[in-house]
Amino acid sequence: MINHENATDGYLIGLWTNGLLPRSERLEAVRELSRRGFQIADDGEVTPPASRKDDPVNHPSHYTGHPSGVECIQITEHMNFCRGNAMKYIWRAGEKGDELEDLKKARWYLDREIARLSAT
């Protein structure tokens, strides 16, 4: 059983929208989302509370705006530093600033990771 109180918002949204999970697990996820102030529409769409829509420290919009509801850090925290940073720059490309610059930064981290792997 998942500890829903410690799960990130995006993870809970993913549980809710994943039709493959047991109903009890999905219901626990939606209960926790509701407790956090999220609105769940009849069609299943999840809307964050107004207070969370623009939280530049804890949930920056350029990392939380993905249509899946997944927050970038939920993916990158399972990667090494260079791969995670490359993913971060691809994820937010064009959302925070210059899209081309973000993609060049991603490539820089990928090139560094490729060099590390090539040296072994």
PDB file of N, CA and C in Angstrom:
ATOM      1  N   MET A   1       0.846  -1.187   0.000  1.00  0.00           N
ATOM      2  CA  MET A   1       0.000   0.000   0.000  1.00  0.00           C
ATOM      3  C   MET A   1       0.887   1.245   0.000  1.00  0.00           C
ATOM      4  N   ILE A   2       0.513   2.233  -0.718  1.00  0.00           N
ATOM      5  CA  ILE A   2       1.275   3.464  -0.869  1.00  0.00           C
ATOM      6  C   ILE A   2       0.921   4.440   0.244  1.00  0.00           C
ATOM      7  N   ASN A   3       1.924   5.122   0.770  1.00  0.00           N
ATOM      8  CA  ASN A   3       1.676   6.182   1.753  1.00  0.00           C
ATOM      9  C   ASN A   3       1.318   7.435   0.966  1.00  0.00           C
ATOM     10  N   HIS A   4       0.045   7.684   0.813  1.00  0.00           N
ATOM     11  CA  HIS A   4      -0.430   8.793  -0.019  1.00  0.00           C
ATOM     12  C   HIS A   4      -0.109  10.151   0.571  1.00  0.00           C
ATOM     13  N   GLU A   5       0.015  10.252   1.867  1.00  0.00           N
ATOM     14  CA  GLU A   5       0.294  11.548   2.492  1.00  0.00           C
ATOM     15  C   GLU A   5       1.665  12.071   2.101  1.00  0.00           C
ATOM     16  N   ASN A   6       2.613  11.190   1.817  1.00  0.00           N
ATOM     17  CA  ASN A   6       3.969  11.606   1.447  1.00  0.00           C
ATOM     18  C   ASN A   6       4.176  11.676  -0.059  1.00  0.00           C
ATOM     19  N   ALA A   7       3.193  11.262  -0.831  1.00  0.00           N
ATOM     20  CA  ALA A   7       3.318  11.258  -2.293  1.00  0.00           C
ATOM     21  C   ALA A   7       3.180  12.673  -2.842  1.00  0.00           C
ATOM     22  N   THR A   8       3.868  12.937  -3.953  1.00  0.00           N
ATOM     23  CA  THR A   8       3.736  14.242  -4.594  1.00  0.00           C
ATOM     24  C   THR A   8       2.385  14.338  -5.302  1.00  0.00           C
ATOM     25  N   ASP A   9       1.967  15.550  -5.556  1.00  0.00           N
ATOM     26  CA  ASP A   9       0.684  15.786  -6.219  1.00  0.00           C
ATOM     27  C   ASP A   9       0.624  15.075  -7.568  1.00  0.00           C
ATOM     28  N   GLY A  10       1.674  15.213  -8.360  1.00  0.00           N
ATOM     29  CA  GLY A  10       1.694  14.608  -9.687  1.00  0.00           C
ATOM     30  C   GLY A  10       1.587  13.093  -9.632  1.00  0.00           C
ATOM     31  N   TYR A  11       2.222  12.497  -8.646  1.00  0.00           N
ATOM     32  CA  TYR A  11       2.145  11.049  -8.490  1.00  0.00           C
ATOM     33  C   TYR A  11       0.715  10.629  -8.179  1.00  0.00           C
ATOM     34  N   LEU A  12       0.067  11.358  -7.285  1.00  0.00           N
ATOM     35  CA  LEU A  12      -1.325  11.051  -6.936  1.00  0.00           C
ATOM     36  C   LEU A  12      -2.248  11.220  -8.145  1.00  0.00           C
ATOM     37  N   ILE A  13      -2.015  12.264  -8.925  1.00  0.00           N
ATOM     38  CA  ILE A  13      -2.825  12.471 -10.131  1.00  0.00           C
ATOM     39  C   ILE A  13      -2.624  11.297 -11.085  1.00  0.00           C
ATOM     40  N   GLY A  14      -1.379  10.846 -11.203  1.00  0.00           N
ATOM     41  CA  GLY A  14      -1.094   9.688 -12.045  1.00  0.00           C
ATOM     42  C   GLY A  14      -1.825   8.445 -11.571  1.00  0.00           C
ATOM     43  N   LEU A  15      -1.864   8.227 -10.261  1.00  0.00           N
ATOM     44  CA  LEU A  15      -2.603   7.085  -9.712  1.00  0.00           C
ATOM     45  C   LEU A  15      -4.087   7.191 -10.049  1.00  0.00           C
ATOM     46  N   TRP A  16      -4.613   8.402  -9.910  1.00  0.00           N
ATOM     47  CA  TRP A  16      -6.041   8.614 -10.160  1.00  0.00           C
ATOM     48  C   TRP A  16      -6.391   8.340 -11.617  1.00  0.00           C
ATOM     49  N   THR A  17      -5.556   8.799 -12.530  1.00  0.00           N
ATOM     50  CA  THR A  17      -5.879   8.686 -13.947  1.00  0.00           C
ATOM     51  C   THR A  17      -5.506   7.328 -14.541  1.00  0.00           C
ATOM     52  N   ASN A  18      -4.746   6.520 -13.807  1.00  0.00           N
ATOM     53  CA  ASN A  18      -4.328   5.212 -14.302  1.00  0.00           C
ATOM     54  C   ASN A  18      -5.449   4.195 -14.064  1.00  0.00           C
ATOM     55  N   GLY A  19      -6.143   3.834 -15.102  1.00  0.00           N
ATOM     56  CA  GLY A  19      -7.255   2.904 -14.988  1.00  0.00           C
ATOM     57  C   GLY A  19      -6.844   1.478 -14.683  1.00  0.00           C
ATOM     58  N   LEU A  20      -5.540   1.188 -14.681  1.00  0.00           N
ATOM     59  CA  LEU A  20      -5.077  -0.171 -14.440  1.00  0.00           C
ATOM     60  C   LEU A  20      -4.933  -0.496 -12.948  1.00  0.00           C
ATOM     61  N   LEU A  21      -4.948   0.521 -12.115  1.00  0.00           N
ATOM     62  CA  LEU A  21      -4.787   0.290 -10.679  1.00  0.00           C
ATOM     63  C   LEU A  21      -6.084  -0.179 -10.047  1.00  0.00           C
ATOM     64  N   PRO A  22      -5.996  -0.897  -8.929  1.00  0.00           N
ATOM     65  CA  PRO A  22      -7.214  -1.297  -8.229  1.00  0.00           C
ATOM     66  C   PRO A  22      -8.020  -0.073  -7.801  1.00  0.00           C
ATOM     67  N   ARG A  23      -9.320  -0.228  -7.797  1.00  0.00           N
ATOM     68  CA  ARG A  23     -10.223   0.866  -7.444  1.00  0.00           C
ATOM     69  C   ARG A  23      -9.879   1.455  -6.082  1.00  0.00           C
ATOM     70  N   SER A  24      -9.555   0.617  -5.114  1.00  0.00           N
ATOM     71  CA  SER A  24      -9.246   1.108  -3.763  1.00  0.00           C
ATOM     72  C   SER A  24      -8.034   2.044  -3.782  1.00  0.00           C
ATOM     73  N   GLU A  25      -7.042   1.703  -4.585  1.00  0.00           N
ATOM     74  CA  GLU A  25      -5.832   2.534  -4.684  1.00  0.00           C
ATOM     75  C   GLU A  25      -6.160   3.881  -5.333  1.00  0.00           C
ATOM     76  N   ARG A  26      -6.966   3.844  -6.366  1.00  0.00           N
ATOM     77  CA  ARG A  26      -7.373   5.082  -7.048  1.00  0.00           C
ATOM     78  C   ARG A  26      -8.194   5.961  -6.118  1.00  0.00           C
ATOM     79  N   LEU A  27      -9.072   5.361  -5.344  1.00  0.00           N
ATOM     80  CA  LEU A  27      -9.903   6.135  -4.421  1.00  0.00           C
ATOM     81  C   LEU A  27      -9.068   6.789  -3.323  1.00  0.00           C
ATOM     82  N   GLU A  28      -8.076   6.061  -2.825  1.00  0.00           N
ATOM     83  CA  GLU A  28      -7.186   6.645  -1.811  1.00  0.00           C
ATOM     84  C   GLU A  28      -6.444   7.851  -2.391  1.00  0.00           C
ATOM     85  N   ALA A  29      -6.003   7.733  -3.635  1.00  0.00           N
ATOM     86  CA  ALA A  29      -5.296   8.843  -4.282  1.00  0.00           C
ATOM     87  C   ALA A  29      -6.209  10.052  -4.426  1.00  0.00           C
ATOM     88  N   VAL A  30      -7.444   9.835  -4.861  1.00  0.00           N
ATOM     89  CA  VAL A  30      -8.357  10.959  -5.056  1.00  0.00           C
ATOM     90  C   VAL A  30      -8.760  11.568  -3.715  1.00  0.00           C
ATOM     91  N   ARG A  31      -8.870  10.761  -2.676  1.00  0.00           N
ATOM     92  CA  ARG A  31      -9.164  11.305  -1.337  1.00  0.00           C
ATOM     93  C   ARG A  31      -8.046  12.241  -0.881  1.00  0.00           C
ATOM     94  N   GLU A  32      -6.807  11.814  -1.100  1.00  0.00           N
ATOM     95  CA  GLU A  32      -5.678  12.656  -0.694  1.00  0.00           C
ATOM     96  C   GLU A  32      -5.621  13.929  -1.536  1.00  0.00           C
ATOM     97  N   LEU A  33      -5.884  13.825  -2.828  1.00  0.00           N
ATOM     98  CA  LEU A  33      -5.911  15.017  -3.679  1.00  0.00           C
ATOM     99  C   LEU A  33      -6.995  15.981  -3.203  1.00  0.00           C
ATOM    100  N   SER A  34      -8.147  15.467  -2.886  1.00  0.00           N
ATOM    101  CA  SER A  34      -9.250  16.308  -2.383  1.00  0.00           C
ATOM    102  C   SER A  34      -8.853  16.978  -1.070  1.00  0.00           C
ATOM    103  N   ARG A  35      -8.194  16.216  -0.202  1.00  0.00           N
ATOM    104  CA  ARG A  35      -7.738  16.774   1.072  1.00  0.00           C
ATOM    105  C   ARG A  35      -6.778  17.949   0.844  1.00  0.00           C
ATOM    106  N   ARG A  36      -5.995  17.860  -0.220  1.00  0.00           N
ATOM    107  CA  ARG A  36      -5.032  18.919  -0.551  1.00  0.00           C
ATOM    108  C   ARG A  36      -5.675  20.086  -1.293  1.00  0.00           C
ATOM    109  N   GLY A  37      -6.953  20.016  -1.557  1.00  0.00           N
ATOM    110  CA  GLY A  37      -7.650  21.128  -2.187  1.00  0.00           C
ATOM    111  C   GLY A  37      -7.850  21.012  -3.681  1.00  0.00           C
ATOM    112  N   PHE A  38      -7.495  19.878  -4.270  1.00  0.00           N
ATOM    113  CA  PHE A  38      -7.700  19.668  -5.699  1.00  0.00           C
ATOM    114  C   PHE A  38      -9.181  19.440  -5.964  1.00  0.00           C
ATOM    115  N   GLN A  39      -9.622  19.846  -7.141  1.00  0.00           N
ATOM    116  CA  GLN A  39     -10.994  19.606  -7.577  1.00  0.00           C
ATOM    117  C   GLN A  39     -10.973  18.471  -8.595  1.00  0.00           C
ATOM    118  N   ILE A  40     -11.877  17.506  -8.432  1.00  0.00           N
ATOM    119  CA  ILE A  40     -11.977  16.389  -9.361  1.00  0.00           C
ATOM    120  C   ILE A  40     -13.322  16.517 -10.082  1.00  0.00           C
ATOM    121  N   ALA A  41     -13.269  16.753 -11.408  1.00  0.00           N
ATOM    122  CA  ALA A  41     -14.487  16.910 -12.201  1.00  0.00           C
ATOM    123  C   ALA A  41     -15.127  15.548 -12.464  1.00  0.00           C
ATOM    124  N   ASP A  42     -16.382  15.561 -12.873  1.00  0.00           N
ATOM    125  CA  ASP A  42     -17.102  14.325 -13.175  1.00  0.00           C
ATOM    126  C   ASP A  42     -16.404  13.508 -14.253  1.00  0.00           C
ATOM    127  N   ASP A  43     -15.735  14.193 -15.186  1.00  0.00           N
ATOM    128  CA  ASP A  43     -15.026  13.479 -16.251  1.00  0.00           C
ATOM    129  C   ASP A  43     -13.642  12.999 -15.818  1.00  0.00           C
ATOM    130  N   GLY A  44     -13.283  13.237 -14.532  1.00  0.00           N
ATOM    131  CA  GLY A  44     -12.008  12.779 -13.992  1.00  0.00           C
ATOM    132  C   GLY A  44     -10.891  13.793 -14.065  1.00  0.00           C
ATOM    133  N   GLU A  45     -11.126  14.938 -14.701  1.00  0.00           N
ATOM    134  CA  GLU A  45     -10.080  15.957 -14.814  1.00  0.00           C
ATOM    135  C   GLU A  45      -9.768  16.541 -13.442  1.00  0.00           C
ATOM    136  N   VAL A  46      -8.476  16.705 -13.189  1.00  0.00           N
ATOM    137  CA  VAL A  46      -8.007  17.200 -11.899  1.00  0.00           C
ATOM    138  C   VAL A  46      -7.546  18.644 -12.044  1.00  0.00           C
ATOM    139  N   THR A  47      -8.058  19.515 -11.179  1.00  0.00           N
ATOM    140  CA  THR A  47      -7.687  20.930 -11.192  1.00  0.00           C
ATOM    141  C   THR A  47      -7.023  21.266  -9.858  1.00  0.00           C
ATOM    142  N   PRO A  48      -5.785  21.828  -9.914  1.00  0.00           N
ATOM    143  CA  PRO A  48      -5.099  22.159  -8.662  1.00  0.00           C
ATOM    144  C   PRO A  48      -5.771  23.316  -7.940  1.00  0.00           C
ATOM    145  N   PRO A  49      -5.577  23.387  -6.628  1.00  0.00           N
ATOM    146  CA  PRO A  49      -6.114  24.527  -5.891  1.00  0.00           C
ATOM    147  C   PRO A  49      -5.458  25.814  -6.363  1.00  0.00           C
ATOM    148  N   ALA A  50      -6.172  26.908  -6.283  1.00  0.00           N
ATOM    149  CA  ALA A  50      -5.649  28.200  -6.753  1.00  0.00           C
ATOM    150  C   ALA A  50      -4.335  28.542  -6.083  1.00  0.00           C
ATOM    151  N   SER A  51      -4.170  28.202  -4.823  1.00  0.00           N
ATOM    152  CA  SER A  51      -2.951  28.545  -4.097  1.00  0.00           C
ATOM    153  C   SER A  51      -1.732  27.808  -4.618  1.00  0.00           C
ATOM    154  N   ARG A  52      -1.919  26.709  -5.363  1.00  0.00           N
ATOM    155  CA  ARG A  52      -0.799  25.930  -5.870  1.00  0.00           C
ATOM    156  C   ARG A  52      -0.468  26.243  -7.318  1.00  0.00           C
ATOM    157  N   LYS A  53      -1.336  26.971  -7.989  1.00  0.00           N
ATOM    158  CA  LYS A  53      -1.133  27.191  -9.414  1.00  0.00           C
ATOM    159  C   LYS A  53       0.178  27.892  -9.722  1.00  0.00           C
ATOM    160  N   ASP A  54       0.611  28.791  -8.864  1.00  0.00           N
ATOM    161  CA  ASP A  54       1.855  29.503  -9.111  1.00  0.00           C
ATOM    162  C   ASP A  54       2.692  29.513  -7.834  1.00  0.00           C
ATOM    163  N   ASP A  55       3.412  28.432  -7.599  1.00  0.00           N
ATOM    164  CA  ASP A  55       4.271  28.304  -6.425  1.00  0.00           C
ATOM    165  C   ASP A  55       5.702  28.160  -6.936  1.00  0.00           C
ATOM    166  N   PRO A  56       6.408  29.285  -7.129  1.00  0.00           N
ATOM    167  CA  PRO A  56       7.719  29.244  -7.773  1.00  0.00           C
ATOM    168  C   PRO A  56       8.799  28.509  -6.985  1.00  0.00           C
ATOM    169  N   VAL A  57       8.581  28.247  -5.712  1.00  0.00           N
ATOM    170  CA  VAL A  57       9.581  27.547  -4.914  1.00  0.00           C
ATOM    171  C   VAL A  57       9.301  26.042  -4.873  1.00  0.00           C
ATOM    172  N   ASN A  58       8.121  25.654  -4.452  1.00  0.00           N
ATOM    173  CA  ASN A  58       7.808  24.243  -4.257  1.00  0.00           C
ATOM    174  C   ASN A  58       7.285  23.535  -5.495  1.00  0.00           C
ATOM    175  N   HIS A  59       6.564  24.231  -6.338  1.00  0.00           N
ATOM    176  CA  HIS A  59       5.978  23.629  -7.536  1.00  0.00           C
ATOM    177  C   HIS A  59       5.985  24.631  -8.681  1.00  0.00           C
ATOM    178  N   PRO A  60       7.182  24.947  -9.232  1.00  0.00           N
ATOM    179  CA  PRO A  60       7.240  25.926 -10.329  1.00  0.00           C
ATOM    180  C   PRO A  60       6.408  25.479 -11.531  1.00  0.00           C
ATOM    181  N   SER A  61       5.691  26.408 -12.109  1.00  0.00           N
ATOM    182  CA  SER A  61       4.781  26.074 -13.208  1.00  0.00           C
ATOM    183  C   SER A  61       5.507  25.472 -14.410  1.00  0.00           C
ATOM    184  N   HIS A  62       6.786  25.847 -14.623  1.00  0.00           N
ATOM    185  CA  HIS A  62       7.505  25.294 -15.768  1.00  0.00           C
ATOM    186  C   HIS A  62       7.907  23.833 -15.544  1.00  0.00           C
ATOM    187  N   TYR A  63       7.700  23.302 -14.343  1.00  0.00           N
ATOM    188  CA  TYR A  63       7.944  21.887 -14.073  1.00  0.00           C
ATOM    189  C   TYR A  63       6.654  21.127 -13.759  1.00  0.00           C
ATOM    190  N   THR A  64       5.555  21.827 -13.532  1.00  0.00           N
ATOM    191  CA  THR A  64       4.302  21.160 -13.159  1.00  0.00           C
ATOM    192  C   THR A  64       3.235  21.250 -14.233  1.00  0.00           C
ATOM    193  N   GLY A  65       3.508  21.912 -15.332  1.00  0.00           N
ATOM    194  CA  GLY A  65       2.488  22.149 -16.351  1.00  0.00           C
ATOM    195  C   GLY A  65       2.285  21.033 -17.349  1.00  0.00           C
ATOM    196  N   HIS A  66       2.965  19.920 -17.186  1.00  0.00           N
ATOM    197  CA  HIS A  66       2.830  18.817 -18.139  1.00  0.00           C
ATOM    198  C   HIS A  66       1.409  18.258 -18.093  1.00  0.00           C
ATOM    199  N   PRO A  67       0.807  17.973 -19.246  1.00  0.00           N
ATOM    200  CA  PRO A  67      -0.580  17.496 -19.267  1.00  0.00           C
ATOM    201  C   PRO A  67      -0.801  16.195 -18.501  1.00  0.00           C
ATOM    202  N   SER A  68       0.247  15.418 -18.264  1.00  0.00           N
ATOM    203  CA  SER A  68       0.103  14.153 -17.537  1.00  0.00           C
ATOM    204  C   SER A  68      -0.147  14.370 -16.050  1.00  0.00           C
ATOM    205  N   GLY A  69       0.156  15.584 -15.568  1.00  0.00           N
ATOM    206  CA  GLY A  69       0.048  15.837 -14.138  1.00  0.00           C
ATOM    207  C   GLY A  69       1.306  15.440 -13.383  1.00  0.00           C
ATOM    208  N   VAL A  70       2.257  14.867 -14.083  1.00  0.00           N
ATOM    209  CA  VAL A  70       3.510  14.455 -13.464  1.00  0.00           C
ATOM    210  C   VAL A  70       4.412  15.668 -13.329  1.00  0.00           C
ATOM    211  N   GLU A  71       5.070  15.776 -12.198  1.00  0.00           N
ATOM    212  CA  GLU A  71       6.028  16.857 -11.978  1.00  0.00           C
ATOM    213  C   GLU A  71       7.408  16.350 -12.371  1.00  0.00           C
ATOM    214  N   CYS A  72       8.174  17.171 -13.017  1.00  0.00           N
ATOM    215  CA  CYS A  72       9.475  16.802 -13.563  1.00  0.00           C
ATOM    216  C   CYS A  72      10.349  16.062 -12.547  1.00  0.00           C
ATOM    217  N   ILE A  73      10.391  16.532 -11.316  1.00  0.00           N
ATOM    218  CA  ILE A  73      11.275  15.933 -10.318  1.00  0.00           C
ATOM    219  C   ILE A  73      10.894  14.486 -10.009  1.00  0.00           C
ATOM    220  N   GLN A  74       9.644  14.121 -10.223  1.00  0.00           N
ATOM    221  CA  GLN A  74       9.234  12.739  -9.990  1.00  0.00           C
ATOM    222  C   GLN A  74       9.956  11.776 -10.932  1.00  0.00           C
ATOM    223  N   ILE A  75      10.354  12.271 -12.073  1.00  0.00           N
ATOM    224  CA  ILE A  75      11.087  11.462 -13.048  1.00  0.00           C
ATOM    225  C   ILE A  75      12.587  11.597 -12.817  1.00  0.00           C
ATOM    226  N   THR A  76      13.070  12.827 -12.706  1.00  0.00           N
ATOM    227  CA  THR A  76      14.514  13.062 -12.668  1.00  0.00           C
ATOM    228  C   THR A  76      15.179  12.587 -11.389  1.00  0.00           C
ATOM    229  N   GLU A  77      14.436  12.464 -10.291  1.00  0.00           N
ATOM    230  CA  GLU A  77      15.060  12.025  -9.043  1.00  0.00           C
ATOM    231  C   GLU A  77      15.502  10.569  -9.114  1.00  0.00           C
ATOM    232  N   HIS A  78      15.111   9.863 -10.158  1.00  0.00           N
ATOM    233  CA  HIS A  78      15.515   8.468 -10.339  1.00  0.00           C
ATOM    234  C   HIS A  78      16.667   8.330 -11.330  1.00  0.00           C
ATOM    235  N   MET A  79      17.249   9.451 -11.734  1.00  0.00           N
ATOM    236  CA  MET A  79      18.330   9.454 -12.718  1.00  0.00           C
ATOM    237  C   MET A  79      19.608   9.994 -12.075  1.00  0.00           C
ATOM    238  N   ASN A  80      20.730   9.777 -12.768  1.00  0.00           N
ATOM    239  CA  ASN A  80      21.947  10.419 -12.272  1.00  0.00           C
ATOM    240  C   ASN A  80      21.882  11.915 -12.610  1.00  0.00           C
ATOM    241  N   PHE A  81      22.865  12.663 -12.135  1.00  0.00           N
ATOM    242  CA  PHE A  81      22.831  14.122 -12.237  1.00  0.00           C
ATOM    243  C   PHE A  81      22.718  14.622 -13.676  1.00  0.00           C
ATOM    244  N   CYS A  82      23.579  14.146 -14.560  1.00  0.00           N
ATOM    245  CA  CYS A  82      23.590  14.654 -15.941  1.00  0.00           C
ATOM    246  C   CYS A  82      22.321  14.284 -16.697  1.00  0.00           C
ATOM    247  N   ARG A  83      21.865  13.062 -16.550  1.00  0.00           N
ATOM    248  CA  ARG A  83      20.636  12.648 -17.232  1.00  0.00           C
ATOM    249  C   ARG A  83      19.431  13.414 -16.680  1.00  0.00           C
ATOM    250  N   GLY A  84      19.395  13.581 -15.369  1.00  0.00           N
ATOM    251  CA  GLY A  84      18.294  14.321 -14.752  1.00  0.00           C
ATOM    252  C   GLY A  84      18.250  15.769 -15.207  1.00  0.00           C
ATOM    253  N   ASN A  85      19.414  16.404 -15.281  1.00  0.00           N
ATOM    254  CA  ASN A  85      19.447  17.792 -15.736  1.00  0.00           C
ATOM    255  C   ASN A  85      19.074  17.911 -17.207  1.00  0.00           C
ATOM    256  N   ALA A  86      19.513  16.962 -18.020  1.00  0.00           N
ATOM    257  CA  ALA A  86      19.124  16.979 -19.435  1.00  0.00           C
ATOM    258  C   ALA A  86      17.606  16.879 -19.554  1.00  0.00           C
ATOM    259  N   MET A  87      17.021  15.967 -18.794  1.00  0.00           N
ATOM    260  CA  MET A  87      15.561  15.801 -18.816  1.00  0.00           C
ATOM    261  C   MET A  87      14.869  17.082 -18.341  1.00  0.00           C
ATOM    262  N   LYS A  88      15.414  17.697 -17.299  1.00  0.00           N
ATOM    263  CA  LYS A  88      14.832  18.928 -16.756  1.00  0.00           C
ATOM    264  C   LYS A  88      14.781  20.016 -17.830  1.00  0.00           C
ATOM    265  N   TYR A  89      15.880  20.193 -18.561  1.00  0.00           N
ATOM    266  CA  TYR A  89      15.911  21.238 -19.582  1.00  0.00           C
ATOM    267  C   TYR A  89      15.003  20.914 -20.767  1.00  0.00           C
ATOM    268  N   ILE A  90      14.890  19.637 -21.118  1.00  0.00           N
ATOM    269  CA  ILE A  90      13.958  19.255 -22.183  1.00  0.00           C
ATOM    270  C   ILE A  90      12.524  19.491 -21.713  1.00  0.00           C
ATOM    271  N   TRP A  91      12.237  19.097 -20.482  1.00  0.00           N
ATOM    272  CA  TRP A  91      10.888  19.220 -19.911  1.00  0.00           C
ATOM    273  C   TRP A  91      10.399  20.660 -19.954  1.00  0.00           C
ATOM    274  N   ARG A  92      11.283  21.579 -19.568  1.00  0.00           N
ATOM    275  CA  ARG A  92      10.835  22.970 -19.437  1.00  0.00           C
ATOM    276  C   ARG A  92      11.164  23.828 -20.662  1.00  0.00           C
ATOM    277  N   ALA A  93      11.698  23.228 -21.709  1.00  0.00           N
ATOM    278  CA  ALA A  93      12.126  23.994 -22.889  1.00  0.00           C
ATOM    279  C   ALA A  93      11.019  24.941 -23.353  1.00  0.00           C
ATOM    280  N   GLY A  94      11.347  26.217 -23.350  1.00  0.00           N
ATOM    281  CA  GLY A  94      10.427  27.246 -23.798  1.00  0.00           C
ATOM    282  C   GLY A  94       9.437  27.715 -22.750  1.00  0.00           C
ATOM    283  N   GLU A  95       9.356  27.043 -21.605  1.00  0.00           N
ATOM    284  CA  GLU A  95       8.394  27.413 -20.565  1.00  0.00           C
ATOM    285  C   GLU A  95       8.929  28.492 -19.633  1.00  0.00           C
ATOM    286  N   LYS A  96      10.233  28.538 -19.461  1.00  0.00           N
ATOM    287  CA  LYS A  96      10.824  29.476 -18.509  1.00  0.00           C
ATOM    288  C   LYS A  96      11.559  30.611 -19.218  1.00  0.00           C
ATOM    289  N   GLY A  97      12.077  30.318 -20.373  1.00  0.00           N
ATOM    290  CA  GLY A  97      12.859  31.326 -21.086  1.00  0.00           C
ATOM    291  C   GLY A  97      13.058  30.908 -22.525  1.00  0.00           C
ATOM    292  N   ASP A  98      14.276  31.044 -22.980  1.00  0.00           N
ATOM    293  CA  ASP A  98      14.635  30.758 -24.363  1.00  0.00           C
ATOM    294  C   ASP A  98      14.619  29.248 -24.623  1.00  0.00           C
ATOM    295  N   GLU A  99      13.746  28.791 -25.509  1.00  0.00           N
ATOM    296  CA  GLU A  99      13.604  27.366 -25.797  1.00  0.00           C
ATOM    297  C   GLU A  99      14.887  26.760 -26.359  1.00  0.00           C
ATOM    298  N   LEU A 100      15.508  27.457 -27.292  1.00  0.00           N
ATOM    299  CA  LEU A 100      16.739  26.959 -27.897  1.00  0.00           C
ATOM    300  C   LEU A 100      17.850  26.842 -26.854  1.00  0.00           C
ATOM    301  N   GLU A 101      17.944  27.811 -25.972  1.00  0.00           N
ATOM    302  CA  GLU A 101      18.959  27.763 -24.916  1.00  0.00           C
ATOM    303  C   GLU A 101      18.734  26.563 -23.995  1.00  0.00           C
ATOM    304  N   ASP A 102      17.478  26.302 -23.632  1.00  0.00           N
ATOM    305  CA  ASP A 102      17.179  25.135 -22.792  1.00  0.00           C
ATOM    306  C   ASP A 102      17.598  23.844 -23.483  1.00  0.00           C
ATOM    307  N   LEU A 103      17.334  23.727 -24.772  1.00  0.00           N
ATOM    308  CA  LEU A 103      17.694  22.514 -25.500  1.00  0.00           C
ATOM    309  C   LEU A 103      19.215  22.374 -25.639  1.00  0.00           C
ATOM    310  N   LYS A 104      19.913  23.480 -25.777  1.00  0.00           N
ATOM    311  CA  LYS A 104      21.388  23.430 -25.818  1.00  0.00           C
ATOM    312  C   LYS A 104      21.948  22.995 -24.476  1.00  0.00           C
ATOM    313  N   LYS A 105      21.334  23.451 -23.394  1.00  0.00           N
ATOM    314  CA  LYS A 105      21.768  23.022 -22.054  1.00  0.00           C
ATOM    315  C   LYS A 105      21.534  21.521 -21.885  1.00  0.00           C
ATOM    316  N   ALA A 106      20.392  21.046 -22.367  1.00  0.00           N
ATOM    317  CA  ALA A 106      20.107  19.605 -22.298  1.00  0.00           C
ATOM    318  C   ALA A 106      21.170  18.826 -23.063  1.00  0.00           C
ATOM    319  N   ARG A 107      21.503  19.307 -24.243  1.00  0.00           N
ATOM    320  CA  ARG A 107      22.521  18.630 -25.057  1.00  0.00           C
ATOM    321  C   ARG A 107      23.873  18.635 -24.348  1.00  0.00           C
ATOM    322  N   TRP A 108      24.211  19.735 -23.666  1.00  0.00           N
ATOM    323  CA  TRP A 108      25.477  19.821 -22.945  1.00  0.00           C
ATOM    324  C   TRP A 108      25.557  18.705 -21.899  1.00  0.00           C
ATOM    325  N   TYR A 109      24.472  18.522 -21.144  1.00  0.00           N
ATOM    326  CA  TYR A 109      24.458  17.466 -20.127  1.00  0.00           C
ATOM    327  C   TYR A 109      24.488  16.075 -20.758  1.00  0.00           C
ATOM    328  N   LEU A 110      23.789  15.899 -21.883  1.00  0.00           N
ATOM    329  CA  LEU A 110      23.835  14.611 -22.564  1.00  0.00           C
ATOM    330  C   LEU A 110      25.233  14.313 -23.096  1.00  0.00           C
ATOM    331  N   ASP A 111      25.880  15.323 -23.672  1.00  0.00           N
ATOM    332  CA  ASP A 111      27.247  15.136 -24.166  1.00  0.00           C
ATOM    333  C   ASP A 111      28.193  14.763 -23.027  1.00  0.00           C
ATOM    334  N   ARG A 112      28.005  15.374 -21.890  1.00  0.00           N
ATOM    335  CA  ARG A 112      28.840  15.070 -20.712  1.00  0.00           C
ATOM    336  C   ARG A 112      28.606  13.629 -20.250  1.00  0.00           C
ATOM    337  N   GLU A 113      27.361  13.196 -20.253  1.00  0.00           N
ATOM    338  CA  GLU A 113      27.042  11.814 -19.868  1.00  0.00           C
ATOM    339  C   GLU A 113      27.603  10.821 -20.877  1.00  0.00           C
ATOM    340  N   ILE A 114      27.501  11.150 -22.160  1.00  0.00           N
ATOM    341  CA  ILE A 114      28.064  10.275 -23.198  1.00  0.00           C
ATOM    342  C   ILE A 114      29.575  10.168 -23.045  1.00  0.00           C
ATOM    343  N   ALA A 115      30.237  11.278 -22.767  1.00  0.00           N
ATOM    344  CA  ALA A 115      31.681  11.260 -22.555  1.00  0.00           C
ATOM    345  C   ALA A 115      32.044  10.392 -21.354  1.00  0.00           C
ATOM    346  N   ARG A 116      31.264  10.483 -20.292  1.00  0.00           N
ATOM    347  CA  ARG A 116      31.526   9.674 -19.095  1.00  0.00           C
ATOM    348  C   ARG A 116      31.392   8.198 -19.421  1.00  0.00           C
ATOM    349  N   LEU A 117      30.353   7.825 -20.148  1.00  0.00           N
ATOM    350  CA  LEU A 117      30.140   6.429 -20.497  1.00  0.00           C
ATOM    351  C   LEU A 117      31.188   5.913 -21.489  1.00  0.00           C
ATOM    352  N   SER A 118      31.632   6.790 -22.375  1.00  0.00           N
ATOM    353  CA  SER A 118      32.640   6.406 -23.374  1.00  0.00           C
ATOM    354  C   SER A 118      33.996   6.162 -22.747  1.00  0.00           C
ATOM    355  N   ALA A 119      34.263   6.811 -21.616  1.00  0.00           N
ATOM    356  CA  ALA A 119      35.564   6.688 -20.944  1.00  0.00           C
ATOM    357  C   ALA A 119      35.700   5.388 -20.171  1.00  0.00           C
ATOM    358  N   THR A 120      34.600   4.702 -19.940  1.00  0.00           N
ATOM    359  CA  THR A 120      34.670   3.472 -19.147  1.00  0.00           C
ATOM    360  C   THR A 120      34.881   2.242 -19.993  1.00  0.00           C
TER     361      THR A 120
END
